PDB file of N, CA and C in Angstrom:
ATOM      1  N   MET A   1       5.688   5.934  -8.100  1.00  0.00           N
ATOM      2  CA  MET A   1       4.739   5.788  -7.010  1.00  0.00           C
ATOM      3  C   MET A   1       3.393   5.395  -7.612  1.00  0.00           C
ATOM      4  N   SER A   2       2.807   4.332  -7.118  1.00  0.00           N
ATOM      5  CA  SER A   2       1.511   3.902  -7.632  1.00  0.00           C
ATOM      6  C   SER A   2       0.403   4.726  -6.987  1.00  0.00           C
ATOM      7  N   SER A   3      -0.817   4.515  -7.440  1.00  0.00           N
ATOM      8  CA  SER A   3      -1.934   5.343  -7.005  1.00  0.00           C
ATOM      9  C   SER A   3      -2.204   5.272  -5.507  1.00  0.00           C
ATOM     10  N   GLY A   4      -1.944   4.117  -4.863  1.00  0.00           N
ATOM     11  CA  GLY A   4      -2.235   3.979  -3.441  1.00  0.00           C
ATOM     12  C   GLY A   4      -1.124   4.447  -2.525  1.00  0.00           C
ATOM     13  N   GLU A   5       0.082   4.602  -3.048  1.00  0.00           N
ATOM     14  CA  GLU A   5       1.217   5.000  -2.221  1.00  0.00           C
ATOM     15  C   GLU A   5       1.195   6.500  -1.972  1.00  0.00           C
ATOM     16  N   ARG A   6       1.489   6.842  -0.713  1.00  0.00           N
ATOM     17  CA  ARG A   6       1.558   8.256  -0.361  1.00  0.00           C
ATOM     18  C   ARG A   6       2.799   8.495   0.480  1.00  0.00           C
ATOM     19  N   PRO A   7       3.419   9.653   0.318  1.00  0.00           N
ATOM     20  CA  PRO A   7       4.575   9.947   1.161  1.00  0.00           C
ATOM     21  C   PRO A   7       4.127  10.157   2.607  1.00  0.00           C
ATOM     22  N   ARG A   8       4.868   9.592   3.515  1.00  0.00           N
ATOM     23  CA  ARG A   8       4.581   9.711   4.947  1.00  0.00           C
ATOM     24  C   ARG A   8       5.836  10.172   5.664  1.00  0.00           C
ATOM     25  N   THR A   9       5.656  10.673   6.874  1.00  0.00           N
ATOM     26  CA  THR A   9       6.767  11.041   7.738  1.00  0.00           C
ATOM     27  C   THR A   9       6.653  10.211   9.005  1.00  0.00           C
ATOM     28  N   CYS A  10       7.728   9.534   9.352  1.00  0.00           N
ATOM     29  CA  CYS A  10       7.742   8.690  10.541  1.00  0.00           C
ATOM     30  C   CYS A  10       7.606   9.558  11.788  1.00  0.00           C
ATOM     31  N   ARG A  11       6.713   9.179  12.678  1.00  0.00           N
ATOM     32  CA  ARG A  11       6.499   9.938  13.911  1.00  0.00           C
ATOM     33  C   ARG A  11       7.662   9.809  14.883  1.00  0.00           C
ATOM     34  N   ALA A  12       8.412   8.718  14.792  1.00  0.00           N
ATOM     35  CA  ALA A  12       9.496   8.476  15.738  1.00  0.00           C
ATOM     36  C   ALA A  12      10.811   9.129  15.315  1.00  0.00           C
ATOM     37  N   CYS A  13      11.156   9.028  14.020  1.00  0.00           N
ATOM     38  CA  CYS A  13      12.462   9.540  13.586  1.00  0.00           C
ATOM     39  C   CYS A  13      12.379  10.708  12.608  1.00  0.00           C
ATOM     40  N   GLY A  14      11.206  10.946  12.042  1.00  0.00           N
ATOM     41  CA  GLY A  14      11.040  12.062  11.115  1.00  0.00           C
ATOM     42  C   GLY A  14      11.433  11.746   9.684  1.00  0.00           C
ATOM     43  N   LYS A  15      11.821  10.509   9.417  1.00  0.00           N
ATOM     44  CA  LYS A  15      12.234  10.113   8.066  1.00  0.00           C
ATOM     45  C   LYS A  15      11.025  10.052   7.137  1.00  0.00           C
ATOM     46  N   LYS A  16      11.213  10.481   5.895  1.00  0.00           N
ATOM     47  CA  LYS A  16      10.168  10.391   4.873  1.00  0.00           C
ATOM     48  C   LYS A  16      10.184   8.986   4.297  1.00  0.00           C
ATOM     49  N   PHE A  17       8.996   8.405   4.073  1.00  0.00           N
ATOM     50  CA  PHE A  17       8.902   7.080   3.470  1.00  0.00           C
ATOM     51  C   PHE A  17       7.591   6.947   2.718  1.00  0.00           C
ATOM     52  N   GLU A  18       7.563   5.999   1.787  1.00  0.00           N
ATOM     53  CA  GLU A  18       6.357   5.738   1.007  1.00  0.00           C
ATOM     54  C   GLU A  18       5.536   4.666   1.711  1.00  0.00           C
ATOM     55  N   TYR A  19       4.243   4.851   1.763  1.00  0.00           N
ATOM     56  CA  TYR A  19       3.356   3.883   2.393  1.00  0.00           C
ATOM     57  C   TYR A  19       2.082   3.789   1.577  1.00  0.00           C
ATOM     58  N   PRO A  20       1.530   2.649   1.331  1.00  0.00           N
ATOM     59  CA  PRO A  20       2.084   1.314   1.627  1.00  0.00           C
ATOM     60  C   PRO A  20       2.968   0.821   0.492  1.00  0.00           C
ATOM     61  N   LEU A  21       3.993   0.080   0.825  1.00  0.00           N
ATOM     62  CA  LEU A  21       4.845  -0.585  -0.156  1.00  0.00           C
ATOM     63  C   LEU A  21       4.743  -2.083   0.069  1.00  0.00           C
ATOM     64  N   LYS A  22       4.578  -2.802  -0.996  1.00  0.00           N
ATOM     65  CA  LYS A  22       4.450  -4.255  -0.896  1.00  0.00           C
ATOM     66  C   LYS A  22       5.722  -4.850  -0.277  1.00  0.00           C
ATOM     67  N   GLY A  23       5.542  -5.677   0.744  1.00  0.00           N
ATOM     68  CA  GLY A  23       6.665  -6.334   1.403  1.00  0.00           C
ATOM     69  C   GLY A  23       7.333  -5.505   2.483  1.00  0.00           C
ATOM     70  N   SER A  24       6.892  -4.284   2.693  1.00  0.00           N
ATOM     71  CA  SER A  24       7.483  -3.418   3.709  1.00  0.00           C
ATOM     72  C   SER A  24       6.765  -3.599   5.038  1.00  0.00           C
ATOM     73  N   ALA A  25       7.524  -3.526   6.125  1.00  0.00           N
ATOM     74  CA  ALA A  25       6.941  -3.645   7.459  1.00  0.00           C
ATOM     75  C   ALA A  25       6.421  -2.293   7.969  1.00  0.00           C
ATOM     76  N   ALA A  26       6.637  -1.231   7.209  1.00  0.00           N
ATOM     77  CA  ALA A  26       6.229   0.107   7.628  1.00  0.00           C
ATOM     78  C   ALA A  26       4.723   0.174   7.861  1.00  0.00           C
ATOM     79  N   THR A  27       4.342   1.023   8.813  1.00  0.00           N
ATOM     80  CA  THR A  27       2.933   1.264   9.095  1.00  0.00           C
ATOM     81  C   THR A  27       2.596   2.683   8.662  1.00  0.00           C
ATOM     82  N   ARG A  28       1.354   3.092   8.873  1.00  0.00           N
ATOM     83  CA  ARG A  28       0.975   4.463   8.489  1.00  0.00           C
ATOM     84  C   ARG A  28       1.790   5.504   9.239  1.00  0.00           C
ATOM     85  N   HIS A  29       2.210   5.190  10.457  1.00  0.00           N
ATOM     86  CA  HIS A  29       2.858   6.188  11.299  1.00  0.00           C
ATOM     87  C   HIS A  29       4.350   5.978  11.514  1.00  0.00           C
ATOM     88  N   HIS A  30       4.862   4.782  11.182  1.00  0.00           N
ATOM     89  CA  HIS A  30       6.272   4.487  11.458  1.00  0.00           C
ATOM     90  C   HIS A  30       6.953   3.848  10.259  1.00  0.00           C
ATOM     91  N   CYS A  31       8.189   4.273  10.014  1.00  0.00           N
ATOM     92  CA  CYS A  31       8.973   3.717   8.914  1.00  0.00           C
ATOM     93  C   CYS A  31       9.389   2.281   9.250  1.00  0.00           C
ATOM     94  N   GLU A  32       9.934   1.610   8.267  1.00  0.00           N
ATOM     95  CA  GLU A  32      10.319   0.213   8.433  1.00  0.00           C
ATOM     96  C   GLU A  32      11.364   0.037   9.531  1.00  0.00           C
ATOM     97  N   ASP A  33      12.251   1.015   9.706  1.00  0.00           N
ATOM     98  CA  ASP A  33      13.278   0.929  10.750  1.00  0.00           C
ATOM     99  C   ASP A  33      12.673   1.045  12.144  1.00  0.00           C
ATOM    100  N   CYS A  34      11.747   1.982  12.333  1.00  0.00           N
ATOM    101  CA  CYS A  34      11.202   2.254  13.662  1.00  0.00           C
ATOM    102  C   CYS A  34      10.128   1.265  14.108  1.00  0.00           C
ATOM    103  N   VAL A  35       9.542   0.537  13.174  1.00  0.00           N
ATOM    104  CA  VAL A  35       8.538  -0.467  13.522  1.00  0.00           C
ATOM    105  C   VAL A  35       9.144  -1.520  14.448  1.00  0.00           C
ATOM    106  N   ALA A  36      10.437  -1.814  14.269  1.00  0.00           N
ATOM    107  CA  ALA A  36      11.113  -2.844  15.058  1.00  0.00           C
ATOM    108  C   ALA A  36      11.458  -2.380  16.475  1.00  0.00           C
ATOM    109  N   ILE A  37      11.338  -1.098  16.758  1.00  0.00           N
ATOM    110  CA  ILE A  37      11.655  -0.563  18.090  1.00  0.00           C
ATOM    111  C   ILE A  37      10.504  -0.870  19.041  1.00  0.00           C
ATOM    112  N   PRO A  38      10.800  -1.266  20.283  1.00  0.00           N
ATOM    113  CA  PRO A  38       9.725  -1.538  21.252  1.00  0.00           C
ATOM    114  C   PRO A  38       8.792  -0.327  21.404  1.00  0.00           C
ATOM    115  N   ALA A  39       7.511  -0.592  21.625  1.00  0.00           N
ATOM    116  CA  ALA A  39       6.487   0.457  21.652  1.00  0.00           C
ATOM    117  C   ALA A  39       6.796   1.572  22.660  1.00  0.00           C
ATOM    118  N   GLU A  40       7.271   1.225  23.846  1.00  0.00           N
ATOM    119  CA  GLU A  40       7.558   2.240  24.868  1.00  0.00           C
ATOM    120  C   GLU A  40       8.674   3.174  24.405  1.00  0.00           C
ATOM    121  N   THR A  41       9.698   2.602  23.810  1.00  0.00           N
ATOM    122  CA  THR A  41      10.820   3.408  23.308  1.00  0.00           C
ATOM    123  C   THR A  41      10.360   4.275  22.145  1.00  0.00           C
ATOM    124  N   ARG A  42       9.565   3.697  21.253  1.00  0.00           N
ATOM    125  CA  ARG A  42       9.046   4.437  20.096  1.00  0.00           C
ATOM    126  C   ARG A  42       8.206   5.625  20.556  1.00  0.00           C
ATOM    127  N   LYS A  43       7.413   5.436  21.605  1.00  0.00           N
ATOM    128  CA  LYS A  43       6.582   6.525  22.126  1.00  0.00           C
ATOM    129  C   LYS A  43       7.463   7.671  22.650  1.00  0.00           C
ATOM    130  N   THR A  44       8.545   7.325  23.333  1.00  0.00           N
ATOM    131  CA  THR A  44       9.482   8.344  23.818  1.00  0.00           C
ATOM    132  C   THR A  44      10.124   9.071  22.640  1.00  0.00           C
ATOM    133  N   LEU A  45      10.521   8.323  21.618  1.00  0.00           N
ATOM    134  CA  LEU A  45      11.111   8.942  20.428  1.00  0.00           C
ATOM    135  C   LEU A  45      10.118   9.865  19.732  1.00  0.00           C
ATOM    136  N   GLU A  46       8.845   9.479  19.710  1.00  0.00           N
ATOM    137  CA  GLU A  46       7.815  10.339  19.114  1.00  0.00           C
ATOM    138  C   GLU A  46       7.732  11.669  19.855  1.00  0.00           C
ATOM    139  N   ARG A  47       7.752  11.604  21.181  1.00  0.00           N
ATOM    140  CA  ARG A  47       7.685  12.843  21.975  1.00  0.00           C
ATOM    141  C   ARG A  47       8.903  13.715  21.733  1.00  0.00           C
ATOM    142  N   LEU A  48      10.083  13.095  21.708  1.00  0.00           N
ATOM    143  CA  LEU A  48      11.303  13.862  21.469  1.00  0.00           C
ATOM    144  C   LEU A  48      11.301  14.481  20.073  1.00  0.00           C
ATOM    145  N   ASN A  49      10.902  13.715  19.072  1.00  0.00           N
ATOM    146  CA  ASN A  49      10.846  14.221  17.696  1.00  0.00           C
ATOM    147  C   ASN A  49       9.858  15.382  17.594  1.00  0.00           C
ATOM    148  N   SER A  50       8.728  15.252  18.266  1.00  0.00           N
ATOM    149  CA  SER A  50       7.724  16.314  18.254  1.00  0.00           C
ATOM    150  C   SER A  50       8.278  17.588  18.885  1.00  0.00           C
ATOM    151  N   ARG A  51       8.982  17.437  19.996  1.00  0.00           N
ATOM    152  CA  ARG A  51       9.531  18.603  20.698  1.00  0.00           C
ATOM    153  C   ARG A  51      10.624  19.271  19.867  1.00  0.00           C
ATOM    154  N   VAL A  52      11.477  18.479  19.243  1.00  0.00           N
ATOM    155  CA  VAL A  52      12.529  19.033  18.385  1.00  0.00           C
ATOM    156  C   VAL A  52      11.905  19.819  17.242  1.00  0.00           C
ATOM    157  N   THR A  53      10.860  19.273  16.640  1.00  0.00           N
ATOM    158  CA  THR A  53      10.167  19.957  15.549  1.00  0.00           C
ATOM    159  C   THR A  53       9.578  21.279  16.030  1.00  0.00           C
ATOM    160  N   GLN A  54       8.963  21.278  17.217  1.00  0.00           N
ATOM    161  CA  GLN A  54       8.413  22.518  17.782  1.00  0.00           C
ATOM    162  C   GLN A  54       9.509  23.561  17.970  1.00  0.00           C
ATOM    163  N   LEU A  55      10.644  23.138  18.508  1.00  0.00           N
ATOM    164  CA  LEU A  55      11.748  24.072  18.743  1.00  0.00           C
ATOM    165  C   LEU A  55      12.322  24.606  17.434  1.00  0.00           C
ATOM    166  N   GLU A  56      12.441  23.748  16.416  1.00  0.00           N
ATOM    167  CA  GLU A  56      12.924  24.196  15.117  1.00  0.00           C
ATOM    168  C   GLU A  56      11.981  25.237  14.521  1.00  0.00           C
ATOM    169  N   ASN A  57      10.681  25.014  14.633  1.00  0.00           N
ATOM    170  CA  ASN A  57       9.702  25.973  14.120  1.00  0.00           C
ATOM    171  C   ASN A  57       9.759  27.284  14.883  1.00  0.00           C
ATOM    172  N   GLN A  58       9.945  27.206  16.197  1.00  0.00           N
ATOM    173  CA  GLN A  58      10.041  28.410  17.014  1.00  0.00           C
ATOM    174  C   GLN A  58      11.277  29.218  16.623  1.00  0.00           C
ATOM    175  N   ILE A  59      12.404  28.561  16.420  1.00  0.00           N
ATOM    176  CA  ILE A  59      13.632  29.240  15.995  1.00  0.00           C
ATOM    177  C   ILE A  59      13.423  29.899  14.639  1.00  0.00           C
ATOM    178  N   ARG A  60      12.782  29.173  13.716  1.00  0.00           N
ATOM    179  CA  ARG A  60      12.520  29.723  12.376  1.00  0.00           C
ATOM    180  C   ARG A  60      11.667  30.987  12.470  1.00  0.00           C
ATOM    181  N   ARG A  61      10.617  30.942  13.307  1.00  0.00           N
ATOM    182  CA  ARG A  61       9.747  32.125  13.463  1.00  0.00           C
ATOM    183  C   ARG A  61      10.514  33.297  14.064  1.00  0.00           C
ATOM    184  N   LEU A  62      11.359  33.027  15.048  1.00  0.00           N
ATOM    185  CA  LEU A  62      12.132  34.099  15.674  1.00  0.00           C
ATOM    186  C   LEU A  62      13.142  34.721  14.702  1.00  0.00           C
ATOM    187  N   GLN A  63      13.708  33.886  13.830  1.00  0.00           N
ATOM    188  CA  GLN A  63      14.652  34.406  12.844  1.00  0.00           C
ATOM    189  C   GLN A  63      13.960  35.247  11.790  1.00  0.00           C
ATOM    190  N   GLU A  64      12.707  34.936  11.484  1.00  0.00           N
ATOM    191  CA  GLU A  64      11.960  35.694  10.475  1.00  0.00           C
ATOM    192  C   GLU A  64      11.394  36.986  11.043  1.00  0.00           C
ATOM    193  N   LYS A  65      11.188  37.048  12.338  1.00  0.00           N
ATOM    194  CA  LYS A  65      10.595  38.213  12.982  1.00  0.00           C
ATOM    195  C   LYS A  65      11.580  39.393  12.921  1.00  0.00           C
ATOM    196  N   PRO A  66      11.115  40.557  12.484  1.00  0.00           N
ATOM    197  CA  PRO A  66      12.013  41.717  12.435  1.00  0.00           C
ATOM    198  C   PRO A  66      12.407  42.169  13.847  1.00  0.00           C
ATOM    199  N   ALA A  67      13.607  42.659  13.965  1.00  0.00           N
ATOM    200  CA  ALA A  67      14.107  43.124  15.256  1.00  0.00           C
ATOM    201  C   ALA A  67      13.341  44.372  15.687  1.00  0.00           C
ATOM    202  N   PRO A  68      13.052  44.527  16.985  1.00  0.00           N
ATOM    203  CA  PRO A  68      12.366  45.740  17.459  1.00  0.00           C
ATOM    204  C   PRO A  68      13.264  46.967  17.276  1.00  0.00           C
ATOM    205  N   PRO A  69      12.662  48.137  17.031  1.00  0.00           N
ATOM    206  CA  PRO A  69      13.474  49.342  16.844  1.00  0.00           C
ATOM    207  C   PRO A  69      14.232  49.685  18.128  1.00  0.00           C
ATOM    208  N   ALA A  70      15.436  50.183  17.971  1.00  0.00           N
ATOM    209  CA  ALA A  70      16.254  50.567  19.126  1.00  0.00           C
ATOM    210  C   ALA A  70      15.689  51.845  19.728  1.00  0.00           C
ATOM    211  N   ALA A  71      15.673  51.863  21.051  1.00  0.00           N
ATOM    212  CA  ALA A  71      15.102  53.036  21.745  1.00  0.00           C
ATOM    213  C   ALA A  71      16.096  54.129  21.921  1.00  0.00           C
TER     214      ALA A  71
END
């Protein structure tokens, strides 16, 4: 990885990618695969990906939380 490249996470699909890469169509927010998706569809995918991430984090927190004492 050169000095200007930084790891990024695609907002639409969640894939990790390096940005910027010479010759890549990737943008700061979208990987090379998702850049080709129409903007309206990409926006919907971003919302779905965000919601899935929220739910995964909520499940993780609930699993880490100790069970309440039995009465």
